[in-house]
Full PDB file with SEQRES, HELIX, SHEET, SSBOND, CRYST1, ORIGX, SCALE, CONECT and MASTER records, all heavy atoms in Angstrom:
SEQRES   1 A   39  SER ILE SER ARG ASP ASP ALA GLU ASN THR MET TYR LEU          
SEQRES   2 A   39  GLN MET ASN ASN LEU LYS PRO GLU ASP THR ALA VAL TYR          
SEQRES   3 A   39  TYR CYS ASN ALA LEU LEU TYR ALA THR ASN TYR TRP GLY          
HELIX    1 AA1 PRO A   20  ASP A   22  5                                   3    
SHEET    1 AA1 2 ILE A   2  ASP A   5  0                                        
SHEET    2 AA1 2 THR A  10  LEU A  13 -1                                        
SHEET    1 AA2 2 ASN A  29  LEU A  32  0                                        
SHEET    2 AA2 2 THR A  35  TRP A  38 -1                                        
CRYST1    1.000    1.000    1.000  90.00  90.00  90.00 P 1           1          
ORIGX1      1.000000  0.000000  0.000000        0.00000                         
ORIGX2      0.000000  1.000000  0.000000        0.00000                         
ORIGX3      0.000000  0.000000  1.000000        0.00000                         
SCALE1      1.000000  0.000000  0.000000        0.00000                         
SCALE2      0.000000  1.000000  0.000000        0.00000                         
SCALE3      0.000000  0.000000  1.000000        0.00000                         
ATOM      1  N   SER A   1       8.088  -3.555  -0.351  1.00  0.00           N  
ATOM      2  CA  SER A   1       8.889  -4.761  -0.534  1.00  0.00           C  
ATOM      3  C   SER A   1       8.318  -5.851   0.446  1.00  0.00           C  
ATOM      4  O   SER A   1       8.120  -5.511   1.611  1.00  0.00           O  
ATOM      5  CB  SER A   1      10.360  -4.487  -0.218  1.00  0.00           C  
ATOM      6  OG  SER A   1      11.175  -5.719  -0.271  1.00  0.00           O  
ATOM      7  N   ILE A   2       8.052  -7.029  -0.075  1.00  0.00           N  
ATOM      8  CA  ILE A   2       7.554  -8.116   0.706  1.00  0.00           C  
ATOM      9  C   ILE A   2       8.693  -9.087   0.952  1.00  0.00           C  
ATOM     10  O   ILE A   2       9.460  -9.398   0.048  1.00  0.00           O  
ATOM     11  CB  ILE A   2       6.430  -8.851   0.026  1.00  0.00           C  
ATOM     12  CG1 ILE A   2       5.206  -7.876  -0.129  1.00  0.00           C  
ATOM     13  CG2 ILE A   2       5.936 -10.049   0.835  1.00  0.00           C  
ATOM     14  CD1 ILE A   2       4.106  -8.424  -0.940  1.00  0.00           C  
ATOM     15  N   SER A   3       8.783  -9.578   2.168  1.00  0.00           N  
ATOM     16  CA  SER A   3       9.783 -10.596   2.522  1.00  0.00           C  
ATOM     17  C   SER A   3       9.169 -11.585   3.501  1.00  0.00           C  
ATOM     18  O   SER A   3       8.111 -11.332   4.029  1.00  0.00           O  
ATOM     19  CB  SER A   3      11.009  -9.947   3.144  1.00  0.00           C  
ATOM     20  OG  SER A   3      10.705  -9.276   4.361  1.00  0.00           O  
ATOM     21  N   ARG A   4       9.815 -12.684   3.637  1.00  0.00           N  
ATOM     22  CA  ARG A   4       9.318 -13.757   4.561  1.00  0.00           C  
ATOM     23  C   ARG A   4      10.444 -14.367   5.391  1.00  0.00           C  
ATOM     24  O   ARG A   4      11.562 -14.548   4.841  1.00  0.00           O  
ATOM     25  CB  ARG A   4       8.535 -14.844   3.897  1.00  0.00           C  
ATOM     26  CG  ARG A   4       9.261 -15.594   2.767  1.00  0.00           C  
ATOM     27  CD  ARG A   4       8.366 -16.474   1.953  1.00  0.00           C  
ATOM     28  NE  ARG A   4       7.653 -17.524   2.794  1.00  0.00           N  
ATOM     29  CZ  ARG A   4       6.571 -18.167   2.353  1.00  0.00           C  
ATOM     30  NH1 ARG A   4       5.959 -17.847   1.261  1.00  0.00           N  
ATOM     31  NH2 ARG A   4       6.041 -19.069   3.125  1.00  0.00           N  
ATOM     32  N   ASP A   5      10.222 -14.630   6.689  1.00  0.00           N  
ATOM     33  CA  ASP A   5      11.199 -15.271   7.503  1.00  0.00           C  
ATOM     34  C   ASP A   5      10.594 -16.628   7.861  1.00  0.00           C  
ATOM     35  O   ASP A   5       9.679 -16.725   8.656  1.00  0.00           O  
ATOM     36  CB  ASP A   5      11.358 -14.409   8.736  1.00  0.00           C  
ATOM     37  CG  ASP A   5      12.486 -14.949   9.722  1.00  0.00           C  
ATOM     38  OD1 ASP A   5      12.699 -16.229   9.640  1.00  0.00           O  
ATOM     39  OD2 ASP A   5      13.048 -14.204  10.419  1.00  0.00           O  
ATOM     40  N   ASP A   6      11.194 -17.683   7.250  1.00  0.00           N  
ATOM     41  CA  ASP A   6      10.642 -18.980   7.412  1.00  0.00           C  
ATOM     42  C   ASP A   6      10.951 -19.522   8.783  1.00  0.00           C  
ATOM     43  O   ASP A   6      10.190 -20.332   9.309  1.00  0.00           O  
ATOM     44  CB  ASP A   6      11.176 -19.953   6.349  1.00  0.00           C  
ATOM     45  CG  ASP A   6      10.691 -19.585   4.909  1.00  0.00           C  
ATOM     46  OD1 ASP A   6       9.739 -18.878   4.830  1.00  0.00           O  
ATOM     47  OD2 ASP A   6      11.363 -20.010   3.936  1.00  0.00           O  
ATOM     48  N   ALA A   7      11.947 -19.106   9.421  1.00  0.00           N  
ATOM     49  CA  ALA A   7      12.348 -19.490  10.761  1.00  0.00           C  
ATOM     50  C   ALA A   7      11.194 -18.971  11.787  1.00  0.00           C  
ATOM     51  O   ALA A   7      10.958 -19.641  12.840  1.00  0.00           O  
ATOM     52  CB  ALA A   7      13.624 -19.111  11.160  1.00  0.00           C  
ATOM     53  N   GLU A   8      10.691 -17.778  11.489  1.00  0.00           N  
ATOM     54  CA  GLU A   8       9.731 -17.163  12.376  1.00  0.00           C  
ATOM     55  C   GLU A   8       8.287 -17.303  11.941  1.00  0.00           C  
ATOM     56  O   GLU A   8       7.400 -16.810  12.571  1.00  0.00           O  
ATOM     57  CB  GLU A   8      10.084 -15.648  12.587  1.00  0.00           C  
ATOM     58  CG  GLU A   8      11.462 -15.426  13.172  1.00  0.00           C  
ATOM     59  CD  GLU A   8      11.492 -15.895  14.610  1.00  0.00           C  
ATOM     60  OE1 GLU A   8      10.446 -15.939  15.303  1.00  0.00           O  
ATOM     61  OE2 GLU A   8      12.582 -16.357  15.110  1.00  0.00           O  
ATOM     62  N   ASN A   9       8.057 -17.898  10.725  1.00  0.00           N  
ATOM     63  CA  ASN A   9       6.715 -18.025  10.177  1.00  0.00           C  
ATOM     64  C   ASN A   9       6.120 -16.674  10.035  1.00  0.00           C  
ATOM     65  O   ASN A   9       4.908 -16.553  10.417  1.00  0.00           O  
ATOM     66  CB  ASN A   9       5.943 -19.015  11.029  1.00  0.00           C  
ATOM     67  CG  ASN A   9       6.494 -20.391  11.106  1.00  0.00           C  
ATOM     68  OD1 ASN A   9       7.024 -20.922  10.099  1.00  0.00           O  
ATOM     69  ND2 ASN A   9       6.579 -20.887  12.312  1.00  0.00           N  
ATOM     70  N   THR A  10       6.824 -15.702   9.641  1.00  0.00           N  
ATOM     71  CA  THR A  10       6.369 -14.370   9.527  1.00  0.00           C  
ATOM     72  C   THR A  10       6.667 -13.693   8.217  1.00  0.00           C  
ATOM     73  O   THR A  10       7.709 -13.896   7.644  1.00  0.00           O  
ATOM     74  CB  THR A  10       7.010 -13.492  10.654  1.00  0.00           C  
ATOM     75  OG1 THR A  10       6.694 -14.069  11.897  1.00  0.00           O  
ATOM     76  CG2 THR A  10       6.565 -12.067  10.587  1.00  0.00           C  
ATOM     77  N   MET A  11       5.719 -13.009   7.702  1.00  0.00           N  
ATOM     78  CA  MET A  11       5.826 -12.270   6.468  1.00  0.00           C  
ATOM     79  C   MET A  11       5.887 -10.801   6.766  1.00  0.00           C  
ATOM     80  O   MET A  11       5.192 -10.269   7.730  1.00  0.00           O  
ATOM     81  CB  MET A  11       4.732 -12.560   5.440  1.00  0.00           C  
ATOM     82  CG  MET A  11       4.691 -11.729   4.171  1.00  0.00           C  
ATOM     83  SD  MET A  11       3.352 -12.057   3.128  1.00  0.00           S  
ATOM     84  CE  MET A  11       1.906 -11.604   4.129  1.00  0.00           C  
ATOM     85  N   TYR A  12       6.635  -9.932   5.931  1.00  0.00           N  
ATOM     86  CA  TYR A  12       6.721  -8.562   6.242  1.00  0.00           C  
ATOM     87  C   TYR A  12       6.371  -7.774   4.987  1.00  0.00           C  
ATOM     88  O   TYR A  12       6.573  -8.248   3.865  1.00  0.00           O  
ATOM     89  CB  TYR A  12       8.143  -8.182   6.681  1.00  0.00           C  
ATOM     90  CG  TYR A  12       8.626  -8.898   7.882  1.00  0.00           C  
ATOM     91  CD1 TYR A  12       9.475 -10.046   7.744  1.00  0.00           C  
ATOM     92  CD2 TYR A  12       8.287  -8.376   9.116  1.00  0.00           C  
ATOM     93  CE1 TYR A  12       9.878 -10.686   8.915  1.00  0.00           C  
ATOM     94  CE2 TYR A  12       8.731  -9.013  10.270  1.00  0.00           C  
ATOM     95  CZ  TYR A  12       9.499 -10.208  10.149  1.00  0.00           C  
ATOM     96  OH  TYR A  12       9.926 -10.860  11.345  1.00  0.00           O  
ATOM     97  N   LEU A  13       5.839  -6.592   5.233  1.00  0.00           N  
ATOM     98  CA  LEU A  13       5.663  -5.576   4.033  1.00  0.00           C  
ATOM     99  C   LEU A  13       6.364  -4.335   4.495  1.00  0.00           C  
ATOM    100  O   LEU A  13       5.852  -3.658   5.392  1.00  0.00           O  
ATOM    101  CB  LEU A  13       4.162  -5.392   3.934  1.00  0.00           C  
ATOM    102  CG  LEU A  13       3.785  -4.302   2.839  1.00  0.00           C  
ATOM    103  CD1 LEU A  13       4.320  -4.772   1.478  1.00  0.00           C  
ATOM    104  CD2 LEU A  13       2.310  -4.024   2.777  1.00  0.00           C  
ATOM    105  N   GLN A  14       7.481  -4.002   3.879  1.00  0.00           N  
ATOM    106  CA  GLN A  14       8.160  -2.774   4.162  1.00  0.00           C  
ATOM    107  C   GLN A  14       7.563  -1.775   3.138  1.00  0.00           C  
ATOM    108  O   GLN A  14       7.590  -1.968   1.896  1.00  0.00           O  
ATOM    109  CB  GLN A  14       9.621  -2.935   3.872  1.00  0.00           C  
ATOM    110  CG  GLN A  14      10.441  -1.642   3.928  1.00  0.00           C  
ATOM    111  CD  GLN A  14      10.442  -1.114   5.427  1.00  0.00           C  
ATOM    112  OE1 GLN A  14      10.608  -1.923   6.400  1.00  0.00           O  
ATOM    113  NE2 GLN A  14      10.258   0.180   5.602  1.00  0.00           N  
ATOM    114  N   MET A  15       7.137  -0.621   3.624  1.00  0.00           N  
ATOM    115  CA  MET A  15       6.427   0.378   2.790  1.00  0.00           C  
ATOM    116  C   MET A  15       7.196   1.650   3.035  1.00  0.00           C  
ATOM    117  O   MET A  15       7.330   2.208   4.099  1.00  0.00           O  
ATOM    118  CB  MET A  15       4.971   0.574   3.294  1.00  0.00           C  
ATOM    119  CG  MET A  15       4.118  -0.714   3.190  1.00  0.00           C  
ATOM    120  SD  MET A  15       2.439  -0.429   3.557  1.00  0.00           S  
ATOM    121  CE  MET A  15       2.466   0.019   5.288  1.00  0.00           C  
ATOM    122  N   ASN A  16       7.774   2.067   1.950  1.00  0.00           N  
ATOM    123  CA  ASN A  16       8.545   3.369   1.907  1.00  0.00           C  
ATOM    124  C   ASN A  16       7.808   4.469   1.012  1.00  0.00           C  
ATOM    125  O   ASN A  16       6.995   4.099   0.149  1.00  0.00           O  
ATOM    126  CB  ASN A  16       9.965   3.173   1.392  1.00  0.00           C  
ATOM    127  CG  ASN A  16      10.735   2.145   2.309  1.00  0.00           C  
ATOM    128  OD1 ASN A  16      10.560   2.127   3.465  1.00  0.00           O  
ATOM    129  ND2 ASN A  16      11.587   1.320   1.642  1.00  0.00           N  
ATOM    130  N   ASN A  17       8.198   5.697   1.239  1.00  0.00           N  
ATOM    131  CA  ASN A  17       7.658   6.749   0.491  1.00  0.00           C  
ATOM    132  C   ASN A  17       6.135   6.690   0.387  1.00  0.00           C  
ATOM    133  O   ASN A  17       5.562   6.733  -0.681  1.00  0.00           O  
ATOM    134  CB  ASN A  17       8.274   6.779  -0.965  1.00  0.00           C  
ATOM    135  CG  ASN A  17       7.902   8.030  -1.684  1.00  0.00           C  
ATOM    136  OD1 ASN A  17       7.544   9.028  -1.150  1.00  0.00           O  
ATOM    137  ND2 ASN A  17       8.009   7.964  -3.046  1.00  0.00           N  
ATOM    138  N   LEU A  18       5.550   6.503   1.519  1.00  0.00           N  
ATOM    139  CA  LEU A  18       4.071   6.335   1.566  1.00  0.00           C  
ATOM    140  C   LEU A  18       3.374   7.600   1.038  1.00  0.00           C  
ATOM    141  O   LEU A  18       3.768   8.654   1.284  1.00  0.00           O  
ATOM    142  CB  LEU A  18       3.653   5.986   3.047  1.00  0.00           C  
ATOM    143  CG  LEU A  18       3.943   4.502   3.365  1.00  0.00           C  
ATOM    144  CD1 LEU A  18       3.914   4.378   4.814  1.00  0.00           C  
ATOM    145  CD2 LEU A  18       2.826   3.675   2.749  1.00  0.00           C  
ATOM    146  N   LYS A  19       2.227   7.324   0.389  1.00  0.00           N  
ATOM    147  CA  LYS A  19       1.375   8.385  -0.124  1.00  0.00           C  
ATOM    148  C   LYS A  19      -0.038   8.270   0.443  1.00  0.00           C  
ATOM    149  O   LYS A  19      -0.411   7.240   0.926  1.00  0.00           O  
ATOM    150  CB  LYS A  19       1.320   8.172  -1.661  1.00  0.00           C  
ATOM    151  CG  LYS A  19       2.653   8.175  -2.398  1.00  0.00           C  
ATOM    152  CD  LYS A  19       2.443   7.863  -3.877  1.00  0.00           C  
ATOM    153  CE  LYS A  19       3.816   7.834  -4.567  1.00  0.00           C  
ATOM    154  NZ  LYS A  19       3.634   7.598  -6.046  1.00  0.00           N  
ATOM    155  N   PRO A  20      -0.782   9.406   0.480  1.00  0.00           N  
ATOM    156  CA  PRO A  20      -2.070   9.343   1.027  1.00  0.00           C  
ATOM    157  C   PRO A  20      -2.966   8.275   0.374  1.00  0.00           C  
ATOM    158  O   PRO A  20      -3.767   7.671   1.085  1.00  0.00           O  
ATOM    159  CB  PRO A  20      -2.597  10.769   0.690  1.00  0.00           C  
ATOM    160  CG  PRO A  20      -1.422  11.649   0.623  1.00  0.00           C  
ATOM    161  CD  PRO A  20      -0.286  10.775   0.072  1.00  0.00           C  
ATOM    162  N   GLU A  21      -2.705   7.971  -0.894  1.00  0.00           N  
ATOM    163  CA  GLU A  21      -3.562   6.935  -1.546  1.00  0.00           C  
ATOM    164  C   GLU A  21      -3.237   5.581  -1.060  1.00  0.00           C  
ATOM    165  O   GLU A  21      -3.889   4.602  -1.506  1.00  0.00           O  
ATOM    166  CB  GLU A  21      -3.407   7.086  -3.063  1.00  0.00           C  
ATOM    167  CG  GLU A  21      -2.033   7.026  -3.573  1.00  0.00           C  
ATOM    168  CD  GLU A  21      -1.482   8.486  -3.804  1.00  0.00           C  
ATOM    169  OE1 GLU A  21      -1.799   9.349  -3.044  1.00  0.00           O  
ATOM    170  OE2 GLU A  21      -0.833   8.591  -4.879  1.00  0.00           O  
ATOM    171  N   ASP A  22      -2.176   5.392  -0.242  1.00  0.00           N  
ATOM    172  CA  ASP A  22      -1.847   4.124   0.412  1.00  0.00           C  
ATOM    173  C   ASP A  22      -2.738   3.851   1.678  1.00  0.00           C  
ATOM    174  O   ASP A  22      -2.703   2.802   2.199  1.00  0.00           O  
ATOM    175  CB  ASP A  22      -0.384   4.021   0.795  1.00  0.00           C  
ATOM    176  CG  ASP A  22       0.496   4.034  -0.478  1.00  0.00           C  
ATOM    177  OD1 ASP A  22       0.206   3.409  -1.490  1.00  0.00           O  
ATOM    178  OD2 ASP A  22       1.508   4.813  -0.457  1.00  0.00           O  
ATOM    179  N   THR A  23      -3.461   4.897   2.039  1.00  0.00           N  
ATOM    180  CA  THR A  23      -4.274   4.701   3.189  1.00  0.00           C  
ATOM    181  C   THR A  23      -5.246   3.631   2.991  1.00  0.00           C  
ATOM    182  O   THR A  23      -6.063   3.565   2.032  1.00  0.00           O  
ATOM    183  CB  THR A  23      -4.974   5.982   3.479  1.00  0.00           C  
ATOM    184  OG1 THR A  23      -4.072   7.025   3.869  1.00  0.00           O  
ATOM    185  CG2 THR A  23      -6.067   5.780   4.690  1.00  0.00           C  
ATOM    186  N   ALA A  24      -5.329   2.686   3.916  1.00  0.00           N  
ATOM    187  CA  ALA A  24      -6.196   1.385   3.777  1.00  0.00           C  
ATOM    188  C   ALA A  24      -6.028   0.582   4.955  1.00  0.00           C  
ATOM    189  O   ALA A  24      -5.121   0.705   5.783  1.00  0.00           O  
ATOM    190  CB  ALA A  24      -5.807   0.681   2.509  1.00  0.00           C  
ATOM    191  N   VAL A  25      -6.858  -0.394   4.995  1.00  0.00           N  
ATOM    192  CA  VAL A  25      -6.685  -1.521   5.968  1.00  0.00           C  
ATOM    193  C   VAL A  25      -5.926  -2.622   5.197  1.00  0.00           C  
ATOM    194  O   VAL A  25      -6.347  -2.957   4.086  1.00  0.00           O  
ATOM    195  CB  VAL A  25      -7.989  -2.100   6.456  1.00  0.00           C  
ATOM    196  CG1 VAL A  25      -7.776  -3.288   7.332  1.00  0.00           C  
ATOM    197  CG2 VAL A  25      -8.728  -1.008   7.224  1.00  0.00           C  
ATOM    198  N   TYR A  26      -4.883  -3.039   5.717  1.00  0.00           N  
ATOM    199  CA  TYR A  26      -3.962  -3.991   5.024  1.00  0.00           C  
ATOM    200  C   TYR A  26      -4.202  -5.405   5.679  1.00  0.00           C  
ATOM    201  O   TYR A  26      -4.154  -5.524   6.888  1.00  0.00           O  
ATOM    202  CB  TYR A  26      -2.482  -3.620   5.178  1.00  0.00           C  
ATOM    203  CG  TYR A  26      -2.120  -2.492   4.213  1.00  0.00           C  
ATOM    204  CD1 TYR A  26      -2.596  -1.168   4.508  1.00  0.00           C  
ATOM    205  CD2 TYR A  26      -1.368  -2.680   3.129  1.00  0.00           C  
ATOM    206  CE1 TYR A  26      -2.329  -0.153   3.644  1.00  0.00           C  
ATOM    207  CE2 TYR A  26      -1.067  -1.626   2.243  1.00  0.00           C  
ATOM    208  CZ  TYR A  26      -1.514  -0.431   2.546  1.00  0.00           C  
ATOM    209  OH  TYR A  26      -1.276   0.613   1.701  1.00  0.00           O  
ATOM    210  N   TYR A  27      -4.443  -6.328   4.781  1.00  0.00           N  
ATOM    211  CA  TYR A  27      -4.804  -7.708   5.146  1.00  0.00           C  
ATOM    212  C   TYR A  27      -3.705  -8.609   4.722  1.00  0.00           C  
ATOM    213  O   TYR A  27      -3.191  -8.657   3.576  1.00  0.00           O  
ATOM    214  CB  TYR A  27      -6.060  -8.137   4.596  1.00  0.00           C  
ATOM    215  CG  TYR A  27      -7.304  -7.413   5.023  1.00  0.00           C  
ATOM    216  CD1 TYR A  27      -7.704  -6.246   4.320  1.00  0.00           C  
ATOM    217  CD2 TYR A  27      -8.017  -7.741   6.141  1.00  0.00           C  
ATOM    218  CE1 TYR A  27      -8.785  -5.524   4.715  1.00  0.00           C  
ATOM    219  CE2 TYR A  27      -9.098  -7.021   6.526  1.00  0.00           C  
ATOM    220  CZ  TYR A  27      -9.435  -5.889   5.796  1.00  0.00           C  
ATOM    221  OH  TYR A  27     -10.634  -5.208   6.241  1.00  0.00           O  
ATOM    222  N   CYS A  28      -3.352  -9.547   5.582  1.00  0.00           N  
ATOM    223  CA  CYS A  28      -2.442 -10.683   5.276  1.00  0.00           C  
ATOM    224  C   CYS A  28      -3.270 -11.851   4.704  1.00  0.00           C  
ATOM    225  O   CYS A  28      -4.413 -12.120   5.091  1.00  0.00           O  
ATOM    226  CB  CYS A  28      -1.798 -11.114   6.636  1.00  0.00           C  
ATOM    227  SG  CYS A  28      -0.718 -12.586   6.482  1.00  0.00           S  
ATOM    228  N   ASN A  29      -2.765 -12.470   3.753  1.00  0.00           N  
ATOM    229  CA  ASN A  29      -3.368 -13.646   3.068  1.00  0.00           C  
ATOM    230  C   ASN A  29      -2.448 -14.738   2.918  1.00  0.00           C  
ATOM    231  O   ASN A  29      -1.230 -14.487   2.540  1.00  0.00           O  
ATOM    232  CB  ASN A  29      -3.833 -13.089   1.681  1.00  0.00           C  
ATOM    233  CG  ASN A  29      -4.387 -14.277   0.839  1.00  0.00           C  
ATOM    234  OD1 ASN A  29      -3.689 -14.866   0.042  1.00  0.00           O  
ATOM    235  ND2 ASN A  29      -5.644 -14.602   1.001  1.00  0.00           N  
ATOM    236  N   ALA A  30      -2.917 -15.923   3.059  1.00  0.00           N  
ATOM    237  CA  ALA A  30      -2.123 -17.203   2.809  1.00  0.00           C  
ATOM    238  C   ALA A  30      -2.921 -17.994   1.757  1.00  0.00           C  
ATOM    239  O   ALA A  30      -4.157 -18.282   2.071  1.00  0.00           O  
ATOM    240  CB  ALA A  30      -1.840 -17.922   4.063  1.00  0.00           C  
ATOM    241  N   LEU A  31      -2.364 -18.382   0.700  1.00  0.00           N  
ATOM    242  CA  LEU A  31      -3.066 -19.135  -0.323  1.00  0.00           C  
ATOM    243  C   LEU A  31      -2.382 -20.479  -0.346  1.00  0.00           C  
ATOM    244  O   LEU A  31      -1.209 -20.630  -0.754  1.00  0.00           O  
ATOM    245  CB  LEU A  31      -2.875 -18.507  -1.735  1.00  0.00           C  
ATOM    246  CG  LEU A  31      -3.512 -19.231  -2.857  1.00  0.00           C  
ATOM    247  CD1 LEU A  31      -4.989 -19.480  -2.743  1.00  0.00           C  
ATOM    248  CD2 LEU A  31      -3.237 -18.537  -4.157  1.00  0.00           C  
ATOM    249  N   LEU A  32      -3.203 -21.533  -0.016  1.00  0.00           N  
ATOM    250  CA  LEU A  32      -2.684 -22.909   0.181  1.00  0.00           C  
ATOM    251  C   LEU A  32      -3.664 -23.888  -0.375  1.00  0.00           C  
ATOM    252  O   LEU A  32      -4.807 -23.936   0.072  1.00  0.00           O  
ATOM    253  CB  LEU A  32      -2.401 -23.226   1.611  1.00  0.00           C  
ATOM    254  CG  LEU A  32      -1.880 -24.598   1.970  1.00  0.00           C  
ATOM    255  CD1 LEU A  32      -0.469 -24.783   1.298  1.00  0.00           C  
ATOM    256  CD2 LEU A  32      -1.779 -24.794   3.471  1.00  0.00           C  
ATOM    257  N   TYR A  33      -3.283 -24.608  -1.482  1.00  0.00           N  
ATOM    258  CA  TYR A  33      -4.141 -25.558  -2.147  1.00  0.00           C  
ATOM    259  C   TYR A  33      -5.538 -25.001  -2.444  1.00  0.00           C  
ATOM    260  O   TYR A  33      -6.529 -25.568  -2.120  1.00  0.00           O  
ATOM    261  CB  TYR A  33      -4.360 -26.806  -1.235  1.00  0.00           C  
ATOM    262  CG  TYR A  33      -3.043 -27.458  -0.757  1.00  0.00           C  
ATOM    263  CD1 TYR A  33      -2.870 -27.800   0.550  1.00  0.00           C  
ATOM    264  CD2 TYR A  33      -2.037 -27.599  -1.681  1.00  0.00           C  
ATOM    265  CE1 TYR A  33      -1.598 -28.355   0.955  1.00  0.00           C  
ATOM    266  CE2 TYR A  33      -0.783 -28.209  -1.317  1.00  0.00           C  
ATOM    267  CZ  TYR A  33      -0.634 -28.582   0.030  1.00  0.00           C  
ATOM    268  OH  TYR A  33       0.549 -29.138   0.442  1.00  0.00           O  
ATOM    269  N   ALA A  34      -5.530 -23.794  -3.008  1.00  0.00           N  
ATOM    270  CA  ALA A  34      -6.719 -23.087  -3.482  1.00  0.00           C  
ATOM    271  C   ALA A  34      -7.616 -22.597  -2.380  1.00  0.00           C  
ATOM    272  O   ALA A  34      -8.758 -22.090  -2.642  1.00  0.00           O  
ATOM    273  CB  ALA A  34      -7.544 -23.952  -4.426  1.00  0.00           C  
ATOM    274  N   THR A  35      -7.062 -22.655  -1.177  1.00  0.00           N  
ATOM    275  CA  THR A  35      -7.817 -22.092   0.002  1.00  0.00           C  
ATOM    276  C   THR A  35      -7.156 -20.845   0.513  1.00  0.00           C  
ATOM    277  O   THR A  35      -5.948 -20.812   0.658  1.00  0.00           O  
ATOM    278  CB  THR A  35      -7.907 -23.093   1.164  1.00  0.00           C  
ATOM    279  OG1 THR A  35      -8.589 -24.270   0.778  1.00  0.00           O  
ATOM    280  CG2 THR A  35      -8.654 -22.524   2.356  1.00  0.00           C  
ATOM    281  N   ASN A  36      -7.987 -19.797   0.737  1.00  0.00           N  
ATOM    282  CA  ASN A  36      -7.439 -18.462   1.207  1.00  0.00           C  
ATOM    283  C   ASN A  36      -7.680 -18.396   2.702  1.00  0.00           C  
ATOM    284  O   ASN A  36      -8.823 -18.609   3.189  1.00  0.00           O  
ATOM    285  CB  ASN A  36      -8.155 -17.383   0.450  1.00  0.00           C  
ATOM    286  CG  ASN A  36      -7.587 -17.110  -0.912  1.00  0.00           C  
ATOM    287  OD1 ASN A  36      -6.456 -16.593  -1.075  1.00  0.00           O  
ATOM    288  ND2 ASN A  36      -8.357 -17.397  -1.977  1.00  0.00           N  
ATOM    289  N   TYR A  37      -6.672 -17.997   3.339  1.00  0.00           N  
ATOM    290  CA  TYR A  37      -6.761 -17.642   4.805  1.00  0.00           C  
ATOM    291  C   TYR A  37      -6.409 -16.167   4.977  1.00  0.00           C  
ATOM    292  O   TYR A  37      -5.565 -15.626   4.261  1.00  0.00           O  
ATOM    293  CB  TYR A  37      -5.769 -18.600   5.545  1.00  0.00           C  
ATOM    294  CG  TYR A  37      -5.976 -19.999   5.411  1.00  0.00           C  
ATOM    295  CD1 TYR A  37      -5.226 -20.751   4.426  1.00  0.00           C  
ATOM    296  CD2 TYR A  37      -6.846 -20.780   6.282  1.00  0.00           C  
ATOM    297  CE1 TYR A  37      -5.466 -22.037   4.282  1.00  0.00           C  
ATOM    298  CE2 TYR A  37      -6.989 -22.078   6.080  1.00  0.00           C  
ATOM    299  CZ  TYR A  37      -6.353 -22.727   5.095  1.00  0.00           C  
ATOM    300  OH  TYR A  37      -6.526 -24.083   5.008  1.00  0.00           O  
ATOM    301  N   TRP A  38      -7.185 -15.553   5.909  1.00  0.00           N  
ATOM    302  CA  TRP A  38      -7.096 -14.070   6.018  1.00  0.00           C  
ATOM    303  C   TRP A  38      -6.836 -13.735   7.496  1.00  0.00           C  
ATOM    304  O   TRP A  38      -7.324 -14.318   8.472  1.00  0.00           O  
ATOM    305  CB  TRP A  38      -8.382 -13.430   5.585  1.00  0.00           C  
ATOM    306  CG  TRP A  38      -8.646 -13.623   4.196  1.00  0.00           C  
ATOM    307  CD1 TRP A  38      -9.431 -14.580   3.534  1.00  0.00           C  
ATOM    308  CD2 TRP A  38      -8.258 -12.709   3.027  1.00  0.00           C  
ATOM    309  NE1 TRP A  38      -9.482 -14.316   2.221  1.00  0.00           N  
ATOM    310  CE2 TRP A  38      -8.750 -13.278   1.881  1.00  0.00           C  
ATOM    311  CE3 TRP A  38      -7.390 -11.625   3.008  1.00  0.00           C  
ATOM    312  CZ2 TRP A  38      -8.493 -12.698   0.611  1.00  0.00           C  
ATOM    313  CZ3 TRP A  38      -7.076 -11.054   1.809  1.00  0.00           C  
ATOM    314  CH2 TRP A  38      -7.614 -11.611   0.597  1.00  0.00           C  
ATOM    315  N   GLY A  39      -6.134 -12.627   7.608  1.00  0.00           N  
ATOM    316  CA  GLY A  39      -6.046 -11.935   8.955  1.00  0.00           C  
ATOM    317  C   GLY A  39      -7.122 -10.926   9.042  1.00  0.00           C  
ATOM    318  O   GLY A  39      -7.899 -10.696   8.160  1.00  0.00           O  
TER     319      GLY A  39                                                      
MASTER        0    0    0    1    4    0    0    6  318    1    0    3          
END                                                                             
C-alpha cells in the first residue's frame, strides 16, 4: 500500500506478507512535467 503525507513531503510503501520474490532494491521516484527524479 502506497500513501503520501503532504504535510511531511513523504511517501510511504507499506509492505505486508512479504515473499522472497519481493527481494530487491526499492527506489523512490517522482514524476514531474515528464522529468523523473530518483532516490
